[in-house]
Amino acid sequence: MKIAIVRQRYNPFGGAERFVERALGALANEGAEVTLITRNWDGAPRQGFKQITCDPAYSRLFGGRAARDRSFATAAQSEMVKGGFDITQSHERIPGCMIFRAGDGVHAAWLAHRARVLSAPQKLAQHCSPYHRYVLAAEREMFAHPALQAVICNSQMVAEEISRFTALTVTSCR
């Protein structure tokens, strides 16, 4: 079985990274052909799996974080398609993944929570932010994409946010 796991970058203190590290090892030990699709995975052990690094050029000046995430998502989507994977599991909001681990919750919910404490000019800046607009669009497209078969929620709150902000109904959380 060919499995791809997508995580943009490695943070030695991140919970998602620890999840990915354990999953990579466990899946490889079970005989799966495992591939990590990443922008940067420095510092993590690299045994038993293949790593594809997708770090395409983008303009920090004209695109910033939105361009960075968009360019990674496009490259990761391409790798998912050409890799012939049986399963693609992503920790990023990338349309076309089969399984999404919603470790960061729903961006629309986070923005709504954050807006409660912002001044009017800050709310306008948040609304107009190219980064937030990109993440919201990517999230909507990912949740509506026909390839998405499952969403892993790390809390009941995230499951409820997904049900409230998307067309999906989440029945349980593990």
N, C-alpha and C. Protein backbone atom coordinates (compact mmCIF):
# COMPACT_ATOMS: atom_id res chain seq x y z
N MET A 1 0.85 -1.18 0.00
CA MET A 1 0.00 0.00 0.00
C MET A 1 0.89 1.24 0.00
N LYS A 2 0.56 2.20 -0.85
CA LYS A 2 1.31 3.45 -0.94
C LYS A 2 0.54 4.55 -0.21
N ILE A 3 1.19 5.16 0.77
CA ILE A 3 0.55 6.18 1.59
C ILE A 3 1.39 7.45 1.57
N ALA A 4 0.73 8.59 1.36
CA ALA A 4 1.41 9.89 1.45
C ALA A 4 0.85 10.65 2.63
N ILE A 5 1.75 11.24 3.41
CA ILE A 5 1.37 12.13 4.50
C ILE A 5 1.93 13.50 4.18
N VAL A 6 1.09 14.53 4.31
CA VAL A 6 1.50 15.88 3.96
C VAL A 6 1.56 16.74 5.22
N ARG A 7 2.72 17.33 5.46
CA ARG A 7 2.90 18.31 6.54
C ARG A 7 3.92 19.32 6.04
N GLN A 8 3.55 20.60 6.08
CA GLN A 8 4.39 21.62 5.47
C GLN A 8 5.78 21.71 6.04
N ARG A 9 5.88 21.72 7.37
CA ARG A 9 7.21 21.89 7.95
C ARG A 9 7.29 21.20 9.30
N TYR A 10 8.51 21.02 9.73
CA TYR A 10 8.78 20.35 11.00
C TYR A 10 8.99 21.38 12.11
N ASN A 11 8.32 21.18 13.21
CA ASN A 11 8.52 21.95 14.42
C ASN A 11 8.72 20.92 15.53
N PRO A 12 9.87 20.88 16.16
CA PRO A 12 10.13 19.82 17.13
C PRO A 12 9.17 19.83 18.34
N PHE A 13 8.45 20.92 18.53
CA PHE A 13 7.53 21.03 19.66
C PHE A 13 6.07 20.82 19.26
N GLY A 14 5.80 20.60 17.97
CA GLY A 14 4.44 20.51 17.48
C GLY A 14 3.81 19.14 17.69
N GLY A 15 2.56 19.13 18.07
CA GLY A 15 1.83 17.89 18.25
C GLY A 15 1.60 17.16 16.94
N ALA A 16 1.30 17.91 15.89
CA ALA A 16 1.09 17.29 14.58
C ALA A 16 2.36 16.60 14.10
N GLU A 17 3.49 17.23 14.36
CA GLU A 17 4.76 16.64 13.94
C GLU A 17 5.04 15.34 14.67
N ARG A 18 4.73 15.30 15.95
CA ARG A 18 4.91 14.05 16.70
C ARG A 18 3.97 12.98 16.17
N PHE A 19 2.74 13.37 15.84
CA PHE A 19 1.78 12.44 15.24
C PHE A 19 2.33 11.90 13.93
N VAL A 20 2.85 12.80 13.08
CA VAL A 20 3.39 12.39 11.78
C VAL A 20 4.58 11.47 11.96
N GLU A 21 5.50 11.82 12.85
CA GLU A 21 6.68 10.98 13.09
C GLU A 21 6.27 9.56 13.50
N ARG A 22 5.32 9.46 14.43
CA ARG A 22 4.87 8.13 14.88
C ARG A 22 4.16 7.39 13.76
N ALA A 23 3.33 8.10 12.99
CA ALA A 23 2.60 7.46 11.89
C ALA A 23 3.55 6.96 10.81
N LEU A 24 4.55 7.76 10.48
CA LEU A 24 5.52 7.35 9.46
C LEU A 24 6.20 6.04 9.86
N GLY A 25 6.66 6.00 11.10
CA GLY A 25 7.34 4.80 11.59
C GLY A 25 6.43 3.60 11.67
N ALA A 26 5.23 3.79 12.22
CA ALA A 26 4.30 2.67 12.39
C ALA A 26 3.85 2.11 11.04
N LEU A 27 3.54 2.99 10.10
CA LEU A 27 3.10 2.54 8.78
C LEU A 27 4.21 1.81 8.04
N ALA A 28 5.43 2.34 8.12
CA ALA A 28 6.57 1.67 7.47
C ALA A 28 6.82 0.30 8.10
N ASN A 29 6.69 0.22 9.42
CA ASN A 29 6.89 -1.07 10.11
C ASN A 29 5.85 -2.10 9.73
N GLU A 30 4.67 -1.63 9.31
CA GLU A 30 3.61 -2.54 8.86
C GLU A 30 3.75 -2.92 7.39
N GLY A 31 4.80 -2.41 6.74
CA GLY A 31 5.05 -2.78 5.35
C GLY A 31 4.52 -1.81 4.31
N ALA A 32 3.96 -0.70 4.74
CA ALA A 32 3.45 0.29 3.78
C ALA A 32 4.62 1.05 3.16
N GLU A 33 4.43 1.46 1.93
CA GLU A 33 5.38 2.34 1.25
C GLU A 33 4.94 3.76 1.57
N VAL A 34 5.67 4.42 2.47
CA VAL A 34 5.23 5.70 3.02
C VAL A 34 6.08 6.84 2.45
N THR A 35 5.38 7.91 2.09
CA THR A 35 6.04 9.10 1.57
C THR A 35 5.58 10.31 2.37
N LEU A 36 6.53 11.13 2.79
CA LEU A 36 6.22 12.40 3.44
C LEU A 36 6.40 13.50 2.41
N ILE A 37 5.35 14.28 2.21
CA ILE A 37 5.41 15.44 1.32
C ILE A 37 5.49 16.67 2.21
N THR A 38 6.58 17.42 2.10
CA THR A 38 6.85 18.50 3.03
C THR A 38 7.58 19.66 2.35
N ARG A 39 7.53 20.79 2.97
CA ARG A 39 8.33 21.94 2.52
C ARG A 39 9.67 21.92 3.22
N ASN A 40 9.67 21.53 4.50
CA ASN A 40 10.89 21.51 5.28
C ASN A 40 10.69 20.55 6.45
N TRP A 41 11.50 19.51 6.53
CA TRP A 41 11.38 18.53 7.61
C TRP A 41 12.74 18.34 8.26
N ASP A 42 13.45 19.42 8.49
CA ASP A 42 14.77 19.35 9.09
C ASP A 42 14.67 18.95 10.56
N GLY A 43 15.58 18.11 10.97
CA GLY A 43 15.69 17.77 12.37
C GLY A 43 14.94 16.52 12.78
N ALA A 44 14.06 16.02 11.93
CA ALA A 44 13.30 14.83 12.29
C ALA A 44 13.99 13.59 11.73
N PRO A 45 13.84 12.46 12.42
CA PRO A 45 14.43 11.23 11.89
C PRO A 45 13.83 10.88 10.53
N ARG A 46 14.65 10.32 9.67
CA ARG A 46 14.19 9.99 8.31
C ARG A 46 14.47 8.54 8.00
N GLN A 47 13.86 7.66 8.73
CA GLN A 47 14.08 6.24 8.50
C GLN A 47 12.77 5.57 8.10
N GLY A 48 12.86 4.73 7.07
CA GLY A 48 11.72 3.91 6.68
C GLY A 48 10.70 4.59 5.80
N PHE A 49 10.96 5.79 5.36
CA PHE A 49 10.01 6.46 4.49
C PHE A 49 10.75 7.34 3.48
N LYS A 50 10.06 7.64 2.41
CA LYS A 50 10.59 8.52 1.37
C LYS A 50 10.13 9.94 1.67
N GLN A 51 10.99 10.90 1.42
CA GLN A 51 10.62 12.30 1.62
C GLN A 51 10.65 13.04 0.29
N ILE A 52 9.56 13.74 0.01
CA ILE A 52 9.51 14.63 -1.15
C ILE A 52 9.44 16.04 -0.61
N THR A 53 10.44 16.85 -0.95
CA THR A 53 10.48 18.23 -0.49
C THR A 53 9.92 19.13 -1.59
N CYS A 54 8.87 19.85 -1.26
CA CYS A 54 8.23 20.81 -2.17
C CYS A 54 8.41 22.20 -1.57
N ASP A 55 9.37 22.93 -2.07
CA ASP A 55 9.61 24.28 -1.57
C ASP A 55 9.76 25.22 -2.77
N PRO A 56 8.67 25.39 -3.52
CA PRO A 56 8.75 26.22 -4.72
C PRO A 56 8.96 27.69 -4.37
N ALA A 57 9.51 28.41 -5.33
CA ALA A 57 9.76 29.84 -5.15
C ALA A 57 8.43 30.59 -5.03
N TYR A 58 8.43 31.64 -4.24
CA TYR A 58 7.27 32.53 -4.12
C TYR A 58 7.80 33.89 -3.72
N SER A 59 6.98 34.90 -3.91
CA SER A 59 7.41 36.25 -3.59
C SER A 59 7.03 36.60 -2.16
N ARG A 60 8.04 36.79 -1.32
CA ARG A 60 7.77 37.22 0.06
C ARG A 60 7.24 38.64 0.07
N LEU A 61 7.69 39.43 -0.89
CA LEU A 61 7.28 40.83 -0.95
C LEU A 61 5.85 40.99 -1.46
N PHE A 62 5.51 40.27 -2.52
CA PHE A 62 4.20 40.45 -3.14
C PHE A 62 3.17 39.40 -2.76
N GLY A 63 3.60 38.33 -2.12
CA GLY A 63 2.64 37.29 -1.80
C GLY A 63 2.66 36.86 -0.35
N GLY A 64 3.82 36.94 0.27
CA GLY A 64 3.96 36.58 1.67
C GLY A 64 3.50 35.18 2.00
N ARG A 65 2.87 35.06 3.16
CA ARG A 65 2.42 33.75 3.66
C ARG A 65 1.43 33.09 2.72
N ALA A 66 0.54 33.88 2.12
CA ALA A 66 -0.45 33.30 1.21
C ALA A 66 0.24 32.66 0.01
N ALA A 67 1.23 33.35 -0.55
CA ALA A 67 1.96 32.80 -1.70
C ALA A 67 2.75 31.57 -1.29
N ARG A 68 3.34 31.60 -0.10
CA ARG A 68 4.11 30.45 0.40
C ARG A 68 3.20 29.23 0.51
N ASP A 69 2.06 29.39 1.18
CA ASP A 69 1.16 28.26 1.38
C ASP A 69 0.52 27.80 0.07
N ARG A 70 0.17 28.74 -0.79
CA ARG A 70 -0.43 28.40 -2.09
C ARG A 70 0.56 27.63 -2.95
N SER A 71 1.81 28.08 -2.98
CA SER A 71 2.81 27.39 -3.81
C SER A 71 3.09 25.99 -3.27
N PHE A 72 3.12 25.84 -1.94
CA PHE A 72 3.31 24.50 -1.38
C PHE A 72 2.12 23.61 -1.70
N ALA A 73 0.91 24.13 -1.53
CA ALA A 73 -0.30 23.33 -1.79
C ALA A 73 -0.34 22.86 -3.24
N THR A 74 0.00 23.74 -4.16
CA THR A 74 0.00 23.37 -5.58
C THR A 74 1.02 22.27 -5.85
N ALA A 75 2.22 22.42 -5.30
CA ALA A 75 3.26 21.40 -5.48
C ALA A 75 2.86 20.08 -4.82
N ALA A 76 2.29 20.15 -3.63
CA ALA A 76 1.86 18.93 -2.93
C ALA A 76 0.74 18.23 -3.69
N GLN A 77 -0.22 19.00 -4.22
CA GLN A 77 -1.29 18.41 -5.02
C GLN A 77 -0.71 17.66 -6.22
N SER A 78 0.25 18.26 -6.87
CA SER A 78 0.90 17.63 -8.02
C SER A 78 1.57 16.32 -7.62
N GLU A 79 2.27 16.33 -6.50
CA GLU A 79 2.93 15.11 -6.02
C GLU A 79 1.91 14.04 -5.63
N MET A 80 0.78 14.45 -5.04
CA MET A 80 -0.25 13.48 -4.66
C MET A 80 -0.81 12.80 -5.90
N VAL A 81 -1.01 13.58 -6.97
CA VAL A 81 -1.58 13.03 -8.20
C VAL A 81 -0.58 12.10 -8.88
N LYS A 82 0.65 12.55 -9.05
CA LYS A 82 1.60 11.73 -9.80
C LYS A 82 2.18 10.58 -8.99
N GLY A 83 1.99 10.58 -7.68
CA GLY A 83 2.55 9.52 -6.84
C GLY A 83 1.79 8.21 -6.87
N GLY A 84 0.56 8.21 -7.36
CA GLY A 84 -0.22 6.99 -7.40
C GLY A 84 -0.49 6.40 -6.03
N PHE A 85 -0.77 7.25 -5.06
CA PHE A 85 -0.96 6.80 -3.69
C PHE A 85 -2.34 6.19 -3.48
N ASP A 86 -2.39 5.18 -2.64
CA ASP A 86 -3.67 4.57 -2.25
C ASP A 86 -4.39 5.45 -1.23
N ILE A 87 -3.60 6.11 -0.38
CA ILE A 87 -4.15 7.00 0.65
C ILE A 87 -3.29 8.26 0.70
N THR A 88 -3.95 9.42 0.77
CA THR A 88 -3.25 10.68 1.00
C THR A 88 -3.87 11.33 2.23
N GLN A 89 -3.04 11.59 3.21
CA GLN A 89 -3.51 12.18 4.47
C GLN A 89 -2.75 13.48 4.68
N SER A 90 -3.48 14.57 4.89
CA SER A 90 -2.86 15.88 5.01
C SER A 90 -3.15 16.53 6.34
N HIS A 91 -2.15 17.27 6.81
CA HIS A 91 -2.29 18.11 8.00
C HIS A 91 -2.44 19.56 7.57
N GLU A 92 -2.50 19.78 6.27
CA GLU A 92 -2.64 21.12 5.69
C GLU A 92 -3.96 21.16 4.94
N ARG A 93 -4.48 22.34 4.73
CA ARG A 93 -5.73 22.52 4.00
C ARG A 93 -5.44 22.45 2.50
N ILE A 94 -5.39 21.23 1.98
CA ILE A 94 -5.03 21.01 0.59
C ILE A 94 -6.15 20.22 -0.10
N PRO A 95 -6.85 20.87 -1.02
CA PRO A 95 -7.90 20.15 -1.76
C PRO A 95 -7.31 18.94 -2.50
N GLY A 96 -8.04 17.84 -2.44
CA GLY A 96 -7.60 16.63 -3.11
C GLY A 96 -7.07 15.56 -2.18
N CYS A 97 -6.85 15.90 -0.90
CA CYS A 97 -6.42 14.87 0.04
C CYS A 97 -7.61 13.97 0.38
N MET A 98 -7.33 12.74 0.74
CA MET A 98 -8.40 11.80 1.10
C MET A 98 -8.77 11.91 2.57
N ILE A 99 -7.76 12.19 3.40
CA ILE A 99 -7.97 12.31 4.84
C ILE A 99 -7.35 13.62 5.29
N PHE A 100 -8.09 14.40 6.06
CA PHE A 100 -7.58 15.65 6.60
C PHE A 100 -7.57 15.56 8.12
N ARG A 101 -6.43 15.85 8.72
CA ARG A 101 -6.35 15.91 10.19
C ARG A 101 -6.51 17.37 10.57
N ALA A 102 -7.63 17.68 11.18
CA ALA A 102 -7.99 19.07 11.51
C ALA A 102 -7.39 19.47 12.85
N GLY A 103 -6.09 19.43 12.95
CA GLY A 103 -5.41 19.75 14.20
C GLY A 103 -5.52 21.21 14.59
N ASP A 104 -5.65 22.08 13.60
CA ASP A 104 -5.75 23.52 13.87
C ASP A 104 -7.19 24.01 13.88
N GLY A 105 -8.14 23.12 13.79
CA GLY A 105 -9.54 23.52 13.77
C GLY A 105 -9.93 24.11 12.44
N VAL A 106 -11.01 24.89 12.46
CA VAL A 106 -11.54 25.53 11.26
C VAL A 106 -11.11 27.00 11.28
N HIS A 107 -10.47 27.44 10.20
CA HIS A 107 -9.93 28.80 10.16
C HIS A 107 -11.05 29.83 10.30
N ALA A 108 -12.19 29.58 9.68
CA ALA A 108 -13.32 30.52 9.79
C ALA A 108 -13.75 30.69 11.24
N ALA A 109 -13.74 29.62 12.01
CA ALA A 109 -14.12 29.69 13.43
C ALA A 109 -13.07 30.49 14.20
N TRP A 110 -11.80 30.25 13.91
CA TRP A 110 -10.73 30.98 14.59
C TRP A 110 -10.85 32.47 14.30
N LEU A 111 -11.12 32.82 13.05
CA LEU A 111 -11.28 34.24 12.69
C LEU A 111 -12.48 34.85 13.41
N ALA A 112 -13.56 34.11 13.52
CA ALA A 112 -14.75 34.62 14.22
C ALA A 112 -14.45 34.85 15.70
N HIS A 113 -13.74 33.91 16.33
CA HIS A 113 -13.35 34.08 17.74
C HIS A 113 -12.45 35.30 17.89
N ARG A 114 -11.49 35.42 17.01
CA ARG A 114 -10.51 36.52 17.08
C ARG A 114 -11.19 37.87 16.86
N ALA A 115 -12.16 37.93 15.96
CA ALA A 115 -12.82 39.19 15.63
C ALA A 115 -13.54 39.80 16.83
N ARG A 116 -13.91 38.97 17.79
CA ARG A 116 -14.62 39.48 18.97
C ARG A 116 -13.79 40.45 19.80
N VAL A 117 -12.47 40.37 19.70
CA VAL A 117 -11.61 41.24 20.51
C VAL A 117 -10.88 42.30 19.68
N LEU A 118 -11.18 42.37 18.39
CA LEU A 118 -10.50 43.32 17.51
C LEU A 118 -11.27 44.62 17.39
N SER A 119 -10.53 45.69 17.16
CA SER A 119 -11.16 46.98 16.88
C SER A 119 -11.70 46.94 15.44
N ALA A 120 -12.51 47.93 15.08
CA ALA A 120 -13.07 47.98 13.73
C ALA A 120 -11.98 47.99 12.65
N PRO A 121 -10.93 48.81 12.78
CA PRO A 121 -9.88 48.77 11.75
C PRO A 121 -9.16 47.41 11.69
N GLN A 122 -8.97 46.79 12.85
CA GLN A 122 -8.33 45.47 12.87
C GLN A 122 -9.22 44.41 12.22
N LYS A 123 -10.53 44.50 12.44
CA LYS A 123 -11.46 43.57 11.79
C LYS A 123 -11.41 43.72 10.28
N LEU A 124 -11.36 44.97 9.82
CA LEU A 124 -11.28 45.23 8.38
C LEU A 124 -9.97 44.65 7.82
N ALA A 125 -8.87 44.87 8.52
CA ALA A 125 -7.58 44.34 8.08
C ALA A 125 -7.61 42.81 8.03
N GLN A 126 -8.22 42.19 9.03
CA GLN A 126 -8.35 40.73 9.04
C GLN A 126 -9.18 40.27 7.85
N HIS A 127 -10.28 40.96 7.59
CA HIS A 127 -11.17 40.58 6.49
C HIS A 127 -10.48 40.71 5.13
N CYS A 128 -9.63 41.71 4.98
CA CYS A 128 -8.96 41.98 3.70
C CYS A 128 -7.63 41.24 3.56
N SER A 129 -7.17 40.60 4.59
CA SER A 129 -5.87 39.93 4.58
C SER A 129 -5.80 38.88 3.47
N PRO A 130 -4.82 38.98 2.57
CA PRO A 130 -4.67 37.95 1.53
C PRO A 130 -4.43 36.56 2.11
N TYR A 131 -3.73 36.49 3.24
CA TYR A 131 -3.46 35.19 3.85
C TYR A 131 -4.76 34.55 4.34
N HIS A 132 -5.55 35.29 5.10
CA HIS A 132 -6.79 34.72 5.63
C HIS A 132 -7.76 34.39 4.50
N ARG A 133 -7.81 35.22 3.47
CA ARG A 133 -8.68 34.93 2.33
C ARG A 133 -8.25 33.64 1.64
N TYR A 134 -6.92 33.46 1.48
CA TYR A 134 -6.42 32.23 0.87
C TYR A 134 -6.79 31.01 1.72
N VAL A 135 -6.53 31.07 3.03
CA VAL A 135 -6.79 29.91 3.89
C VAL A 135 -8.28 29.57 3.88
N LEU A 136 -9.14 30.56 3.95
CA LEU A 136 -10.58 30.30 3.91
C LEU A 136 -10.99 29.63 2.60
N ALA A 137 -10.46 30.11 1.49
CA ALA A 137 -10.79 29.53 0.18
C ALA A 137 -10.27 28.10 0.07
N ALA A 138 -9.04 27.88 0.52
CA ALA A 138 -8.46 26.53 0.46
C ALA A 138 -9.26 25.57 1.34
N GLU A 139 -9.65 26.05 2.51
CA GLU A 139 -10.43 25.23 3.44
C GLU A 139 -11.78 24.86 2.82
N ARG A 140 -12.48 25.84 2.25
CA ARG A 140 -13.77 25.56 1.61
C ARG A 140 -13.61 24.55 0.49
N GLU A 141 -12.59 24.76 -0.36
CA GLU A 141 -12.37 23.86 -1.49
C GLU A 141 -12.02 22.46 -1.01
N MET A 142 -11.19 22.35 0.02
CA MET A 142 -10.80 21.04 0.54
C MET A 142 -12.00 20.28 1.10
N PHE A 143 -12.83 20.97 1.92
CA PHE A 143 -13.98 20.29 2.52
C PHE A 143 -15.02 19.90 1.48
N ALA A 144 -15.08 20.61 0.36
CA ALA A 144 -16.05 20.29 -0.70
C ALA A 144 -15.50 19.33 -1.74
N HIS A 145 -14.20 19.05 -1.73
CA HIS A 145 -13.57 18.23 -2.76
C HIS A 145 -14.05 16.78 -2.68
N PRO A 146 -14.37 16.18 -3.82
CA PRO A 146 -14.88 14.80 -3.80
C PRO A 146 -13.87 13.76 -3.31
N ALA A 147 -12.58 14.07 -3.31
CA ALA A 147 -11.59 13.10 -2.84
C ALA A 147 -11.61 12.95 -1.32
N LEU A 148 -12.10 13.97 -0.60
CA LEU A 148 -12.08 13.92 0.87
C LEU A 148 -13.04 12.84 1.37
N GLN A 149 -12.48 11.87 2.11
CA GLN A 149 -13.28 10.76 2.61
C GLN A 149 -13.43 10.76 4.13
N ALA A 150 -12.48 11.40 4.82
CA ALA A 150 -12.53 11.39 6.28
C ALA A 150 -11.82 12.62 6.83
N VAL A 151 -12.30 13.06 8.00
CA VAL A 151 -11.66 14.16 8.71
C VAL A 151 -11.37 13.66 10.12
N ILE A 152 -10.12 13.81 10.53
CA ILE A 152 -9.71 13.43 11.88
C ILE A 152 -9.75 14.69 12.73
N CYS A 153 -10.55 14.67 13.78
CA CYS A 153 -10.67 15.82 14.68
C CYS A 153 -9.92 15.50 15.97
N ASN A 154 -9.16 16.48 16.46
CA ASN A 154 -8.42 16.23 17.68
C ASN A 154 -9.20 16.65 18.93
N SER A 155 -10.43 17.15 18.73
CA SER A 155 -11.28 17.48 19.87
C SER A 155 -12.73 17.55 19.42
N GLN A 156 -13.63 17.47 20.39
CA GLN A 156 -15.06 17.61 20.08
C GLN A 156 -15.35 19.02 19.58
N MET A 157 -14.65 20.02 20.11
CA MET A 157 -14.84 21.40 19.66
C MET A 157 -14.55 21.53 18.16
N VAL A 158 -13.46 20.92 17.70
CA VAL A 158 -13.12 20.97 16.28
C VAL A 158 -14.19 20.26 15.46
N ALA A 159 -14.67 19.13 15.93
CA ALA A 159 -15.74 18.41 15.22
C ALA A 159 -16.99 19.29 15.09
N GLU A 160 -17.34 19.98 16.16
CA GLU A 160 -18.51 20.87 16.12
C GLU A 160 -18.28 22.05 15.18
N GLU A 161 -17.06 22.60 15.17
CA GLU A 161 -16.75 23.71 14.25
C GLU A 161 -16.88 23.26 12.80
N ILE A 162 -16.39 22.07 12.50
CA ILE A 162 -16.49 21.56 11.13
C ILE A 162 -17.94 21.42 10.72
N SER A 163 -18.75 20.88 11.60
CA SER A 163 -20.18 20.76 11.29
C SER A 163 -20.84 22.12 11.12
N ARG A 164 -20.45 23.10 11.94
CA ARG A 164 -21.07 24.43 11.91
C ARG A 164 -20.62 25.25 10.69
N PHE A 165 -19.35 25.14 10.30
CA PHE A 165 -18.81 26.01 9.26
C PHE A 165 -18.70 25.36 7.88
N THR A 166 -19.01 24.06 7.77
CA THR A 166 -18.93 23.39 6.48
C THR A 166 -20.22 22.62 6.23
N ALA A 167 -20.29 21.99 5.09
CA ALA A 167 -21.45 21.16 4.75
C ALA A 167 -21.31 19.76 5.31
N LEU A 168 -20.21 19.47 6.00
CA LEU A 168 -19.98 18.13 6.54
C LEU A 168 -20.66 17.95 7.89
N THR A 169 -21.07 16.74 8.16
CA THR A 169 -21.61 16.39 9.46
C THR A 169 -20.61 15.46 10.12
N VAL A 170 -20.09 15.87 11.24
CA VAL A 170 -19.13 15.05 11.98
C VAL A 170 -19.91 14.37 13.09
N THR A 171 -19.86 13.03 13.10
CA THR A 171 -20.65 12.29 14.07
C THR A 171 -19.87 11.88 15.29
N SER A 172 -18.55 11.79 15.19
CA SER A 172 -17.80 11.39 16.36
C SER A 172 -16.41 12.00 16.31
N CYS A 173 -15.79 12.02 17.45
CA CYS A 173 -14.44 12.56 17.58
C CYS A 173 -13.60 11.55 18.34
N ARG A 174 -12.40 11.29 17.85
CA ARG A 174 -11.49 10.35 18.53
C ARG A 174 -10.18 11.01 18.75
